[in-house]
């Protein structure tokens, strides 16, 4: 069973990599937006 799954896993890995990369970019983008919002709130509350 596992020997049959192995080639499929390797093929999925090469397909998954761009998806993981895209997810990382999306997460980074969201993190930047959240950071800007937090910095904006901090700037408003301190001024």
PDB file of N, CA and C in Angstrom:
ATOM      1  N   UNK A   1       0.834  -1.206   0.000  1.00  0.00           N
ATOM      2  CA  UNK A   1       0.000   0.000   0.000  1.00  0.00           C
ATOM      3  C   UNK A   1       0.869   1.256   0.000  1.00  0.00           C
ATOM      4  N   UNK A   2       1.823   1.298   0.911  1.00  0.00           N
ATOM      5  CA  UNK A   2       2.670   2.498   1.003  1.00  0.00           C
ATOM      6  C   UNK A   2       3.566   2.656  -0.226  1.00  0.00           C
ATOM      7  N   UNK A   3       4.051   1.520  -0.756  1.00  0.00           N
ATOM      8  CA  UNK A   3       4.907   1.593  -1.948  1.00  0.00           C
ATOM      9  C   UNK A   3       4.147   2.175  -3.133  1.00  0.00           C
ATOM     10  N   UNK A   4       2.847   1.921  -3.184  1.00  0.00           N
ATOM     11  CA  UNK A   4       2.028   2.487  -4.262  1.00  0.00           C
ATOM     12  C   UNK A   4       1.778   3.973  -4.029  1.00  0.00           C
ATOM     13  N   UNK A   5       1.669   4.375  -2.780  1.00  0.00           N
ATOM     14  CA  UNK A   5       1.405   5.784  -2.463  1.00  0.00           C
ATOM     15  C   UNK A   5       2.628   6.665  -2.708  1.00  0.00           C
ATOM     16  N   UNK A   6       3.821   6.072  -2.619  1.00  0.00           N
ATOM     17  CA  UNK A   6       5.053   6.861  -2.676  1.00  0.00           C
ATOM     18  C   UNK A   6       5.217   7.683  -3.958  1.00  0.00           C
ATOM     19  N   UNK A   7       5.062   7.098  -5.170  1.00  0.00           N
ATOM     20  CA  UNK A   7       5.219   7.907  -6.393  1.00  0.00           C
ATOM     21  C   UNK A   7       4.185   9.028  -6.461  1.00  0.00           C
ATOM     22  N   UNK A   8       2.965   8.726  -6.023  1.00  0.00           N
ATOM     23  CA  UNK A   8       1.890   9.715  -6.019  1.00  0.00           C
ATOM     24  C   UNK A   8       2.261  10.872  -5.096  1.00  0.00           C
ATOM     25  N   UNK A   9       2.848  10.527  -3.947  1.00  0.00           N
ATOM     26  CA  UNK A   9       3.266  11.554  -2.985  1.00  0.00           C
ATOM     27  C   UNK A   9       4.327  12.457  -3.593  1.00  0.00           C
ATOM     28  N   UNK A  10       5.293  11.851  -4.286  1.00  0.00           N
ATOM     29  CA  UNK A  10       6.367  12.644  -4.897  1.00  0.00           C
ATOM     30  C   UNK A  10       5.827  13.548  -5.996  1.00  0.00           C
ATOM     31  N   UNK A  11       4.840  13.022  -6.755  1.00  0.00           N
ATOM     32  CA  UNK A  11       4.253  13.825  -7.820  1.00  0.00           C
ATOM     33  C   UNK A  11       3.433  14.970  -7.209  1.00  0.00           C
ATOM     34  N   UNK A  12       2.715  14.680  -6.136  1.00  0.00           N
ATOM     35  CA  UNK A  12       1.922  15.715  -5.474  1.00  0.00           C
ATOM     36  C   UNK A  12       2.816  16.791  -4.868  1.00  0.00           C
ATOM     37  N   UNK A  13       3.988  16.382  -4.399  1.00  0.00           N
ATOM     38  CA  UNK A  13       4.916  17.322  -3.768  1.00  0.00           C
ATOM     39  C   UNK A  13       5.319  18.414  -4.756  1.00  0.00           C
ATOM     40  N   UNK A  14       5.624  18.021  -5.993  1.00  0.00           N
ATOM     41  CA  UNK A  14       6.042  18.995  -7.006  1.00  0.00           C
ATOM     42  C   UNK A  14       4.873  19.889  -7.418  1.00  0.00           C
ATOM     43  N   UNK A  15       3.655  19.367  -7.305  1.00  0.00           N
ATOM     44  CA  UNK A  15       2.463  20.164  -7.621  1.00  0.00           C
ATOM     45  C   UNK A  15       2.133  21.090  -6.453  1.00  0.00           C
ATOM     46  N   UNK A  16       2.371  20.596  -5.242  1.00  0.00           N
ATOM     47  CA  UNK A  16       2.018  21.348  -4.036  1.00  0.00           C
ATOM     48  C   UNK A  16       2.911  22.559  -3.819  1.00  0.00           C
ATOM     49  N   UNK A  17       4.171  22.465  -4.234  1.00  0.00           N
ATOM     50  CA  UNK A  17       5.146  23.522  -3.938  1.00  0.00           C
ATOM     51  C   UNK A  17       4.697  24.907  -4.395  1.00  0.00           C
ATOM     52  N   UNK A  18       4.228  25.083  -5.652  1.00  0.00           N
ATOM     53  CA  UNK A  18       3.742  26.417  -6.054  1.00  0.00           C
ATOM     54  C   UNK A  18       2.562  26.882  -5.205  1.00  0.00           C
ATOM     55  N   UNK A  19       1.700  25.942  -4.805  1.00  0.00           N
ATOM     56  CA  UNK A  19       0.567  26.284  -3.954  1.00  0.00           C
ATOM     57  C   UNK A  19       1.019  26.784  -2.601  1.00  0.00           C
ATOM     58  N   UNK A  20       2.023  26.110  -2.035  1.00  0.00           N
ATOM     59  CA  UNK A  20       2.582  26.537  -0.748  1.00  0.00           C
ATOM     60  C   UNK A  20       3.199  27.923  -0.883  1.00  0.00           C
ATOM     61  N   UNK A  21       3.896  28.148  -2.003  1.00  0.00           N
ATOM     62  CA  UNK A  21       4.524  29.445  -2.264  1.00  0.00           C
ATOM     63  C   UNK A  21       3.466  30.540  -2.356  1.00  0.00           C
ATOM     64  N   UNK A  22       2.381  30.252  -3.069  1.00  0.00           N
ATOM     65  CA  UNK A  22       1.286  31.220  -3.211  1.00  0.00           C
ATOM     66  C   UNK A  22       0.646  31.509  -1.857  1.00  0.00           C
ATOM     67  N   UNK A  23       0.452  30.453  -1.056  1.00  0.00           N
ATOM     68  CA  UNK A  23      -0.117  30.637   0.282  1.00  0.00           C
ATOM     69  C   UNK A  23       0.785  31.503   1.142  1.00  0.00           C
ATOM     70  N   UNK A  24       2.100  31.282   1.048  1.00  0.00           N
ATOM     71  CA  UNK A  24       3.058  32.074   1.816  1.00  0.00           C
ATOM     72  C   UNK A  24       2.975  33.544   1.428  1.00  0.00           C
ATOM     73  N   UNK A  25       2.861  33.823   0.123  1.00  0.00           N
ATOM     74  CA  UNK A  25       2.756  35.202  -0.361  1.00  0.00           C
ATOM     75  C   UNK A  25       1.476  35.850   0.158  1.00  0.00           C
ATOM     76  N   UNK A  26       0.370  35.099   0.136  1.00  0.00           N
ATOM     77  CA  UNK A  26      -0.916  35.611   0.631  1.00  0.00           C
ATOM     78  C   UNK A  26      -0.826  35.917   2.121  1.00  0.00           C
ATOM     79  N   UNK A  27      -0.242  34.987   2.880  1.00  0.00           N
ATOM     80  CA  UNK A  27      -0.099  35.176   4.332  1.00  0.00           C
ATOM     81  C   UNK A  27       0.770  36.394   4.623  1.00  0.00           C
ATOM     82  N   UNK A  28       1.868  36.550   3.882  1.00  0.00           N
ATOM     83  CA  UNK A  28       2.741  37.714   4.057  1.00  0.00           C
ATOM     84  C   UNK A  28       1.993  38.999   3.736  1.00  0.00           C
ATOM     85  N   UNK A  29       1.199  38.988   2.674  1.00  0.00           N
ATOM     86  CA  UNK A  29       0.414  40.163   2.293  1.00  0.00           C
ATOM     87  C   UNK A  29      -0.573  40.546   3.377  1.00  0.00           C
ATOM     88  N   UNK A  30      -1.272  39.557   3.926  1.00  0.00           N
ATOM     89  CA  UNK A  30      -2.226  39.807   5.015  1.00  0.00           C
ATOM     90  C   UNK A  30      -1.496  40.336   6.244  1.00  0.00           C
ATOM     91  N   UNK A  31      -0.333  39.756   6.546  1.00  0.00           N
ATOM     92  CA  UNK A  31       0.448  40.192   7.703  1.00  0.00           C
ATOM     93  C   UNK A  31       0.871  41.647   7.552  1.00  0.00           C
ATOM     94  N   UNK A  32       1.267  42.046   6.345  1.00  0.00           N
ATOM     95  CA  UNK A  32       1.671  43.431   6.082  1.00  0.00           C
ATOM     96  C   UNK A  32       0.488  44.378   6.275  1.00  0.00           C
ATOM     97  N   UNK A  33      -0.684  43.982   5.774  1.00  0.00           N
ATOM     98  CA  UNK A  33      -1.887  44.812   5.917  1.00  0.00           C
ATOM     99  C   UNK A  33      -2.255  44.971   7.390  1.00  0.00           C
ATOM    100  N   UNK A  34      -2.234  43.871   8.137  1.00  0.00           N
ATOM    101  CA  UNK A  34      -2.545  43.909   9.572  1.00  0.00           C
ATOM    102  C   UNK A  34      -1.542  44.793  10.300  1.00  0.00           C
ATOM    103  N   UNK A  35      -0.269  44.654   9.946  1.00  0.00           N
ATOM    104  CA  UNK A  35       0.781  45.457  10.571  1.00  0.00           C
ATOM    105  C   UNK A  35       0.546  46.943  10.321  1.00  0.00           C
ATOM    106  N   UNK A  36       0.185  47.293   9.089  1.00  0.00           N
ATOM    107  CA  UNK A  36      -0.091  48.693   8.751  1.00  0.00           C
ATOM    108  C   UNK A  36      -1.294  49.212   9.529  1.00  0.00           C
ATOM    109  N   UNK A  37      -2.327  48.388   9.671  1.00  0.00           N
ATOM    110  CA  UNK A  37      -3.512  48.777  10.445  1.00  0.00           C
ATOM    111  C   UNK A  37      -3.142  49.035  11.900  1.00  0.00           C
ATOM    112  N   UNK A  38      -2.368  48.115  12.479  1.00  0.00           N
ATOM    113  CA  UNK A  38      -1.945  48.254  13.881  1.00  0.00           C
ATOM    114  C   UNK A  38      -1.097  49.508  14.053  1.00  0.00           C
ATOM    115  N   UNK A  39      -0.146  49.727  13.150  1.00  0.00           N
ATOM    116  CA  UNK A  39       0.705  50.918  13.223  1.00  0.00           C
ATOM    117  C   UNK A  39      -0.128  52.185  13.072  1.00  0.00           C
ATOM    118  N   UNK A  40      -1.134  52.154  12.196  1.00  0.00           N
ATOM    119  CA  UNK A  40      -2.019  53.302  12.011  1.00  0.00           C
ATOM    120  C   UNK A  40      -2.807  53.602  13.274  1.00  0.00           C
ATOM    121  N   UNK A  41      -3.330  52.561  13.930  1.00  0.00           N
ATOM    122  CA  UNK A  41      -4.087  52.740  15.176  1.00  0.00           C
ATOM    123  C   UNK A  41      -3.176  53.290  16.266  1.00  0.00           C
ATOM    124  N   UNK A  42      -1.968  52.756  16.356  1.00  0.00           N
ATOM    125  CA  UNK A  42      -0.999  53.221  17.360  1.00  0.00           C
ATOM    126  C   UNK A  42      -0.648  54.683  17.109  1.00  0.00           C
ATOM    127  N   UNK A  43      -0.432  55.047  15.845  1.00  0.00           N
ATOM    128  CA  UNK A  43      -0.081  56.427  15.490  1.00  0.00           C
ATOM    129  C   UNK A  43      -1.218  57.377  15.857  1.00  0.00           C
ATOM    130  N   UNK A  44      -2.458  56.968  15.598  1.00  0.00           N
ATOM    131  CA  UNK A  44      -3.618  57.812  15.910  1.00  0.00           C
ATOM    132  C   UNK A  44      -3.778  57.963  17.418  1.00  0.00           C
ATOM    133  N   UNK A  45      -3.578  56.891  18.160  1.00  0.00           N
ATOM    134  CA  UNK A  45      -3.796  56.939  19.606  1.00  0.00           C
ATOM    135  C   UNK A  45      -2.697  57.733  20.314  1.00  0.00           C
ATOM    136  N   UNK A  46      -1.509  57.777  19.736  1.00  0.00           N
ATOM    137  CA  UNK A  46      -0.407  58.516  20.364  1.00  0.00           C
ATOM    138  C   UNK A  46      -0.399  59.994  19.986  1.00  0.00           C
ATOM    139  N   UNK A  47      -0.966  60.352  18.830  1.00  0.00           N
ATOM    140  CA  UNK A  47      -0.920  61.741  18.391  1.00  0.00           C
ATOM    141  C   UNK A  47      -1.983  62.590  19.088  1.00  0.00           C
TER     142      UNK A  47
END
